[in-house]
């Protein structure tokens, strides 16, 4: 039974840079707000990935998925009930016409949240929750709030469904493996691959040739990268290509596999909740700012040296060969992942903190 919050409306704005990343986070945020009984309008410039990521979206009564350009159309805006919360996801800027309409038609500003990217760097707690006065434009005099997701109790926390751990406990891992890797030899590893184009990918594939392990390759860039590498290999490893799946299906893959290669922000968080060992391919930045971001995360993880080196080599930060996946290393990585998950379970999740901050947890009048 949902708590009675049905009168509250959230406008979430998302510009798609990577269909699997920014939109993935925004859809998880949307799903969890809906589960709290809130209403959501998701404004997005490219919603095409929702067809496979969230096939249920069109049937959800308290949800509207709207084209970004409609936020500049007065005939659209006049038909909409004013929202209680505006969310700018990942630094996107709200259309000026939308802001001007909001200023002209309401007596007080909504809770205006600038939802930032995820980082474990030590400046994040200092910045989290700071006000950002609007200095120009139609909303001059209003105030936004910087909201930083994070890994510690003095940040905004991470997205986590209230029933996540219960679903994990009920999940039949063996049935999933039988369906997706029916020929997996006893004692061999099932490995998932969701990455960009790491330079050491061919080394990983060559190492897997002489093992009974099976590699599950996600669609898009990972599949293209694997096929390119395999074109130069006379003998391929044991592998198979996965179809696009919704977010629950992606989570189940992470729960099942013995080692997960993940990328970006959304799948990193899901790998943490899975509690399985993983390697994170951080989104590369031109000035190599992602190097410090990755090191900060590994420090928060209290990662053993073997896991740190694996991350650095996989992300091209350190020269050298890709490490063979040993039983001892995998045991250490598993211990590290489960310890990190336990620390996160003790913190408030991102949605609950957003609701508390925005004041939308009360019943509608």
Protein backbone atom coordinates (compact mmCIF):
# COMPACT_ATOMS: atom_id res chain seq x y z
CA UNK A 1 0.00 0.00 0.00
CA UNK A 2 1.43 3.40 -1.00
CA UNK A 3 1.51 6.19 1.54
CA UNK A 4 -0.86 8.97 0.62
CA UNK A 5 1.32 11.38 -1.38
CA UNK A 6 -0.61 11.41 -4.62
CA UNK A 7 -1.07 15.17 -4.84
CA UNK A 8 2.64 15.90 -5.13
CA UNK A 9 4.16 16.28 -8.62
CA UNK A 10 7.81 16.09 -9.65
CA UNK A 11 9.17 17.45 -12.94
CA UNK A 12 12.41 15.62 -13.82
CA UNK A 13 14.47 16.94 -16.74
CA UNK A 14 17.03 14.76 -18.52
CA UNK A 15 19.16 15.30 -21.60
CA UNK A 16 20.47 12.03 -22.97
CA UNK A 17 24.22 11.75 -23.38
CA UNK A 18 24.30 7.99 -22.98
CA UNK A 19 21.00 6.12 -23.15
CA UNK A 20 22.23 3.60 -20.59
CA UNK A 21 23.48 6.19 -18.13
CA UNK A 22 21.72 9.50 -17.62
CA UNK A 23 18.33 8.17 -18.68
CA UNK A 24 18.90 5.00 -16.67
CA UNK A 25 19.45 6.98 -13.47
CA UNK A 26 16.47 9.23 -14.18
CA UNK A 27 14.22 6.26 -14.83
CA UNK A 28 15.26 4.56 -11.60
CA UNK A 29 14.59 7.83 -9.77
CA UNK A 30 11.20 8.06 -11.48
CA UNK A 31 10.27 4.48 -10.61
CA UNK A 32 11.12 4.95 -6.96
CA UNK A 33 9.19 8.21 -6.66
CA UNK A 34 6.18 6.53 -8.25
CA UNK A 35 6.51 3.67 -5.76
CA UNK A 36 6.20 6.28 -2.99
CA UNK A 37 2.85 7.36 -4.41
CA UNK A 38 4.15 10.54 -6.04
CA UNK A 39 3.36 11.75 -9.55
CA UNK A 40 6.18 12.30 -12.04
CA UNK A 41 6.61 14.09 -15.35
CA UNK A 42 9.82 13.00 -17.07
CA UNK A 43 10.98 15.52 -19.68
CA UNK A 44 13.61 13.98 -21.95
CA UNK A 45 15.13 14.88 -25.31
CA UNK A 46 15.43 11.25 -26.44
CA UNK A 47 13.15 8.71 -24.77
CA UNK A 48 13.74 5.94 -27.32
CA UNK A 49 15.71 3.75 -24.90
CA UNK A 50 12.69 3.51 -22.61
CA UNK A 51 11.18 1.10 -25.14
CA UNK A 52 13.53 -1.63 -23.83
CA UNK A 53 14.67 -0.12 -20.53
CA UNK A 54 11.15 0.51 -19.22
CA UNK A 55 8.53 -1.15 -21.44
CA UNK A 56 5.97 -0.63 -18.67
CA UNK A 57 6.29 3.17 -18.75
CA UNK A 58 3.33 3.87 -21.03
CA UNK A 59 0.93 2.01 -18.74
CA UNK A 60 1.80 3.85 -15.51
CA UNK A 61 -1.08 6.10 -14.53
CA UNK A 62 0.86 8.61 -12.42
CA UNK A 63 3.61 9.10 -15.01
CA UNK A 64 3.95 11.32 -18.05
CA UNK A 65 6.96 11.03 -20.36
CA UNK A 66 7.12 14.31 -22.28
CA UNK A 67 9.38 15.56 -25.09
CA UNK A 68 11.94 18.10 -23.93
CA UNK A 69 10.80 20.59 -26.57
CA UNK A 70 7.27 20.59 -25.15
CA UNK A 71 8.62 22.39 -22.09
CA UNK A 72 8.97 25.47 -24.30
CA UNK A 73 5.41 25.29 -25.68
CA UNK A 74 2.98 27.58 -23.87
CA UNK A 75 -0.04 25.58 -25.03
CA UNK A 76 1.43 22.50 -23.33
CA UNK A 77 2.48 24.26 -20.15
CA UNK A 78 -0.89 25.93 -19.57
CA UNK A 79 -2.57 22.51 -19.48
CA UNK A 80 -0.25 21.14 -16.78
CA UNK A 81 -0.71 21.38 -13.04
CA UNK A 82 2.28 23.16 -11.44
CA UNK A 83 4.83 20.76 -10.01
CA UNK A 84 6.03 20.79 -6.43
CA UNK A 85 9.59 19.84 -7.37
CA UNK A 86 11.85 20.59 -10.33
CA UNK A 87 14.87 18.35 -10.86
CA UNK A 88 17.70 19.27 -13.21
CA UNK A 89 19.51 15.98 -13.72
CA UNK A 90 23.26 16.06 -14.30
CA UNK A 91 23.67 19.73 -14.99
CA UNK A 92 21.01 20.10 -17.67
CA UNK A 93 19.47 23.57 -17.85
CA UNK A 94 15.70 23.97 -17.74
CA UNK A 95 14.19 25.63 -20.84
CA UNK A 96 13.79 29.35 -20.18
CA UNK A 97 10.15 29.29 -21.36
CA UNK A 98 9.36 26.61 -18.79
CA UNK A 99 10.98 28.61 -15.99
CA UNK A 100 9.26 31.83 -17.09
CA UNK A 101 5.88 30.09 -17.13
CA UNK A 102 6.52 28.77 -13.63
CA UNK A 103 7.44 32.19 -12.31
CA UNK A 104 4.38 33.81 -13.89
CA UNK A 105 1.83 31.26 -12.69
CA UNK A 106 2.76 30.50 -9.09
CA UNK A 107 3.06 32.40 -5.85
CA UNK A 108 6.11 30.55 -4.53
CA UNK A 109 8.91 28.65 -6.14
CA UNK A 110 9.01 24.84 -6.22
CA UNK A 111 11.79 22.89 -4.57
CA UNK A 112 14.39 23.26 -7.31
CA UNK A 113 17.06 20.57 -7.20
CA UNK A 114 20.26 20.37 -9.23
CA UNK A 115 20.94 16.62 -9.09
CA UNK A 116 24.64 16.17 -9.73
CA UNK A 117 26.85 13.31 -10.86
CA UNK A 118 28.03 10.65 -8.42
CA UNK A 119 31.48 10.89 -6.90
CA UNK A 120 33.39 9.71 -3.82
CA UNK A 121 35.76 12.69 -3.90
CA UNK A 122 36.23 14.49 -0.58
CA UNK A 123 34.71 17.78 -1.76
CA UNK A 124 31.29 16.19 -2.33
CA UNK A 125 30.09 16.38 1.31
CA UNK A 126 31.08 20.06 1.42
CA UNK A 127 29.04 20.86 -1.69
CA UNK A 128 26.03 18.66 -0.97
CA UNK A 129 22.94 20.64 0.02
CA UNK A 130 24.40 24.07 -0.70
CA UNK A 131 22.00 26.72 -2.03
CA UNK A 132 22.60 28.19 -5.48
CA UNK A 133 20.88 31.56 -5.91
CA UNK A 134 19.56 32.25 -9.40
CA UNK A 135 21.24 35.50 -10.41
CA UNK A 136 19.61 36.22 -13.77
CA UNK A 137 16.74 35.26 -16.04
CA UNK A 138 13.02 35.00 -15.27
CA UNK A 139 13.66 33.15 -11.96
CA UNK A 140 16.12 35.74 -10.59
CA UNK A 141 15.85 35.69 -6.82
CA UNK A 142 14.84 32.04 -6.62
CA UNK A 143 17.21 29.39 -5.26
CA UNK A 144 18.29 25.95 -6.40
CA UNK A 145 19.89 23.30 -4.20
CA UNK A 146 22.94 21.26 -5.15
CA UNK A 147 22.15 17.63 -4.42
CA UNK A 148 25.07 15.24 -4.63
CA UNK A 149 24.59 11.47 -4.56
CA UNK A 150 27.37 9.80 -2.65
CA UNK A 151 28.70 6.90 -0.65
CA UNK A 152 28.75 8.40 2.85
CA UNK A 153 26.13 9.58 5.33
CA UNK A 154 26.98 13.26 4.74
CA UNK A 155 25.97 13.07 1.05
CA UNK A 156 22.69 12.45 -0.79
CA UNK A 157 23.09 8.67 -0.79
CA UNK A 158 22.33 6.22 -3.60
CA UNK A 159 19.20 5.05 -5.37
CA UNK A 160 17.85 1.94 -3.68
CA UNK A 161 14.38 0.45 -3.94
CA UNK A 162 12.72 -0.32 -0.62
CA UNK A 163 12.20 -3.96 -1.66
CA UNK A 164 15.61 -4.46 -3.29
CA UNK A 165 17.09 -6.79 -0.70
CA UNK A 166 13.90 -8.85 -0.50
CA UNK A 167 13.91 -9.33 -4.28
CA UNK A 168 17.54 -10.38 -4.18
CA UNK A 169 16.81 -12.97 -1.50
CA UNK A 170 13.91 -14.44 -3.51
CA UNK A 171 15.84 -14.49 -6.78
CA UNK A 172 16.67 -17.91 -8.27
CA UNK A 173 20.27 -17.50 -9.38
CA UNK A 174 20.62 -21.05 -10.66
CA UNK A 175 17.55 -20.77 -12.89
CA UNK A 176 18.95 -17.57 -14.44
CA UNK A 177 22.26 -19.30 -15.18
CA UNK A 178 20.50 -22.27 -16.74
CA UNK A 179 18.58 -19.95 -19.03
CA UNK A 180 21.45 -17.71 -20.14
CA UNK A 181 24.48 -20.02 -19.89
CA UNK A 182 23.14 -23.59 -20.00
CA UNK A 183 26.51 -25.10 -20.93
CA UNK A 184 28.48 -23.46 -18.14
CA UNK A 185 30.89 -26.02 -16.71
CA UNK A 186 30.76 -26.71 -12.96
CA UNK A 187 33.21 -24.51 -11.08
CA UNK A 188 33.68 -22.04 -13.94
CA UNK A 189 32.93 -18.35 -13.74
CA UNK A 190 30.06 -16.50 -15.34
CA UNK A 191 31.25 -13.00 -16.27
CA UNK A 192 29.21 -10.06 -17.53
CA UNK A 193 30.66 -7.32 -19.73
CA UNK A 194 29.21 -3.80 -19.87
CA UNK A 195 31.98 -1.42 -20.88
CA UNK A 196 33.18 1.22 -23.33
CA UNK A 197 36.23 0.19 -25.40
CA UNK A 198 39.04 -0.68 -22.98
CA UNK A 199 42.38 -1.16 -24.68
CA UNK A 200 43.06 -4.34 -22.68
CA UNK A 201 39.79 -6.02 -23.75
CA UNK A 202 41.65 -8.25 -26.27
CA UNK A 203 43.92 -9.41 -23.43
CA UNK A 204 40.91 -10.41 -21.34
CA UNK A 205 39.42 -12.34 -24.24
CA UNK A 206 42.69 -14.15 -24.91
CA UNK A 207 42.96 -15.14 -21.25
CA UNK A 208 39.42 -16.54 -21.30
CA UNK A 209 40.25 -18.85 -24.24
CA UNK A 210 42.14 -21.23 -21.96
CA UNK A 211 39.49 -21.27 -19.19
CA UNK A 212 36.03 -22.82 -18.83
CA UNK A 213 34.61 -19.38 -17.98
CA UNK A 214 31.73 -17.91 -20.00
CA UNK A 215 31.40 -14.25 -20.94
CA UNK A 216 27.99 -12.57 -21.29
CA UNK A 217 28.27 -9.48 -23.51
CA UNK A 218 25.69 -6.72 -23.29
CA UNK A 219 24.45 -5.04 -26.49
CA UNK A 220 25.69 -1.80 -28.02
CA UNK A 221 29.26 -0.64 -27.55
CA UNK A 222 30.40 -3.69 -25.54
CA UNK A 223 29.21 -6.10 -28.23
CA UNK A 224 30.81 -4.03 -30.98
CA UNK A 225 34.11 -3.91 -29.07
CA UNK A 226 34.11 -7.67 -28.52
CA UNK A 227 33.34 -8.43 -32.15
CA UNK A 228 36.16 -6.16 -33.27
CA UNK A 229 38.61 -7.91 -30.94
CA UNK A 230 37.42 -11.38 -31.93
CA UNK A 231 38.08 -10.61 -35.60
CA UNK A 232 41.80 -10.90 -34.77
CA UNK A 233 41.54 -14.07 -32.69
CA UNK A 234 41.78 -17.50 -34.38
CA UNK A 235 40.11 -19.20 -31.39
CA UNK A 236 37.39 -17.32 -29.47
CA UNK A 237 36.58 -17.76 -25.78
CA UNK A 238 33.22 -19.08 -24.60
CA UNK A 239 30.86 -16.14 -24.90
CA UNK A 240 27.35 -15.11 -25.87
CA UNK A 241 25.55 -11.88 -26.70
CA UNK A 242 22.69 -10.72 -24.51
CA UNK A 243 19.64 -8.82 -25.82
CA UNK A 244 18.59 -5.43 -24.51
CA UNK A 245 16.73 -5.86 -21.24
CA UNK A 246 14.79 -3.77 -18.77
CA UNK A 247 16.39 -2.55 -15.56
CA UNK A 248 15.17 -5.47 -13.48
CA UNK A 249 16.69 -7.88 -15.99
CA UNK A 250 20.00 -6.01 -15.88
CA UNK A 251 20.02 -6.18 -12.08
CA UNK A 252 19.38 -9.92 -12.17
CA UNK A 253 22.38 -10.40 -14.45
CA UNK A 254 24.57 -8.59 -11.91
CA UNK A 255 23.20 -10.69 -9.06
CA UNK A 256 23.94 -13.89 -10.97
CA UNK A 257 27.41 -13.35 -12.41
CA UNK A 258 30.58 -14.15 -10.49
CA UNK A 259 32.32 -11.05 -11.87
CA UNK A 260 30.72 -7.97 -13.42
CA UNK A 261 32.35 -5.39 -15.66
CA UNK A 262 30.22 -2.25 -15.40
CA UNK A 263 30.45 1.28 -16.71
CA UNK A 264 29.20 4.78 -15.99
CA UNK A 265 27.09 5.63 -12.95
CA UNK A 266 23.86 3.64 -12.98
CA UNK A 267 25.45 0.21 -13.41
CA UNK A 268 28.13 1.02 -10.82
CA UNK A 269 25.45 1.56 -8.18
CA UNK A 270 23.64 -1.60 -9.24
CA UNK A 271 26.90 -3.56 -9.04
CA UNK A 272 27.38 -2.31 -5.50
CA UNK A 273 23.93 -3.50 -4.48
CA UNK A 274 24.57 -6.85 -6.17
CA UNK A 275 27.39 -7.56 -3.73
CA UNK A 276 29.38 -9.41 -6.38
CA UNK A 277 32.97 -8.52 -7.38
CA UNK A 278 33.11 -5.95 -10.18
CA UNK A 279 35.39 -3.78 -12.28
CA UNK A 280 34.17 -0.25 -13.01
CA UNK A 281 34.88 1.39 -16.37
CA UNK A 282 34.52 5.03 -15.41
CA UNK A 283 33.26 7.50 -18.02
CA UNK A 284 36.43 9.00 -19.55
CA UNK A 285 36.95 12.76 -19.48
CA UNK A 286 39.29 14.71 -21.74
CA UNK A 287 41.29 16.27 -18.92
CA UNK A 288 41.62 12.91 -17.11
CA UNK A 289 39.54 14.22 -14.21
CA UNK A 290 38.06 10.74 -14.03
CA UNK A 291 41.37 9.41 -12.73
CA UNK A 292 41.01 11.23 -9.40
CA UNK A 293 37.35 10.24 -9.29
CA UNK A 294 38.20 6.57 -9.72
CA UNK A 295 40.97 6.68 -7.11
CA UNK A 296 38.59 8.31 -4.62
CA UNK A 297 36.06 5.56 -5.20
CA UNK A 298 38.65 2.81 -4.75
CA UNK A 299 39.77 4.45 -1.51
CA UNK A 300 36.18 4.56 -0.23
CA UNK A 301 35.78 0.91 -1.26
CA UNK A 302 38.86 0.03 0.83
CA UNK A 303 39.81 -1.97 -2.25
CA UNK A 304 42.68 -4.46 -1.98
CA UNK A 305 45.71 -3.69 -4.12
CA UNK A 306 44.83 -6.34 -6.70
CA UNK A 307 41.43 -4.71 -7.28
CA UNK A 308 42.96 -1.24 -7.51
CA UNK A 309 45.47 -2.39 -10.10
CA UNK A 310 42.78 -4.17 -12.10
CA UNK A 311 40.74 -0.94 -12.22
CA UNK A 312 43.72 1.16 -13.24
CA UNK A 313 44.72 -1.19 -16.05
CA UNK A 314 41.14 -1.64 -17.28
CA UNK A 315 40.70 2.15 -17.36
CA UNK A 316 44.02 2.80 -19.10
CA UNK A 317 45.49 4.65 -16.11
CA UNK A 318 48.34 2.20 -15.60
CA UNK A 319 50.41 0.38 -18.17
CA UNK A 320 50.72 -3.36 -17.99
CA UNK A 321 48.95 -6.55 -18.85
CA UNK A 322 45.46 -7.40 -17.76
CA UNK A 323 45.61 -9.53 -14.62
CA UNK A 324 44.56 -13.15 -14.70
CA UNK A 325 41.44 -13.64 -12.59
CA UNK A 326 42.66 -15.84 -9.73
CA UNK A 327 40.55 -17.50 -7.06
CA UNK A 328 42.43 -15.63 -4.31
CA UNK A 329 41.86 -12.25 -5.95
CA UNK A 330 38.19 -12.98 -6.58
CA UNK A 331 37.73 -13.93 -2.93
CA UNK A 332 39.29 -10.64 -1.82
CA UNK A 333 37.15 -8.69 -4.29
CA UNK A 334 33.99 -10.40 -3.07
CA UNK A 335 34.79 -9.57 0.56
CA UNK A 336 35.42 -5.95 -0.43
CA UNK A 337 32.17 -5.66 -2.42
CA UNK A 338 30.03 -7.13 0.35
CA UNK A 339 31.63 -4.94 3.00
CA UNK A 340 30.93 -1.85 0.88
CA UNK A 341 27.33 -2.93 0.38
CA UNK A 342 26.84 -3.36 4.11
CA UNK A 343 28.11 0.17 4.79
CA UNK A 344 25.71 1.55 2.18
CA UNK A 345 22.74 -0.34 3.62
CA UNK A 346 23.16 1.61 6.86
CA UNK A 347 22.64 4.97 5.10
CA UNK A 348 19.49 6.75 3.92
CA UNK A 349 18.82 6.27 0.21
CA UNK A 350 18.75 9.08 -2.33
CA UNK A 351 14.98 9.14 -2.93
CA UNK A 352 14.13 9.37 0.75
CA UNK A 353 16.59 12.22 1.17
CA UNK A 354 15.17 14.04 -1.87
CA UNK A 355 11.63 13.66 -0.55
CA UNK A 356 12.62 14.93 2.87
CA UNK A 357 14.49 17.89 1.40
CA UNK A 358 11.66 18.85 -0.96
CA UNK A 359 8.92 18.52 1.65
CA UNK A 360 6.77 16.34 -0.59
CA UNK A 361 6.30 13.48 1.84
CA UNK A 362 3.18 14.95 3.40
CA UNK A 363 -0.31 13.99 2.32
CA UNK A 364 -2.03 16.04 -0.36
CA UNK A 365 -4.57 18.52 1.04
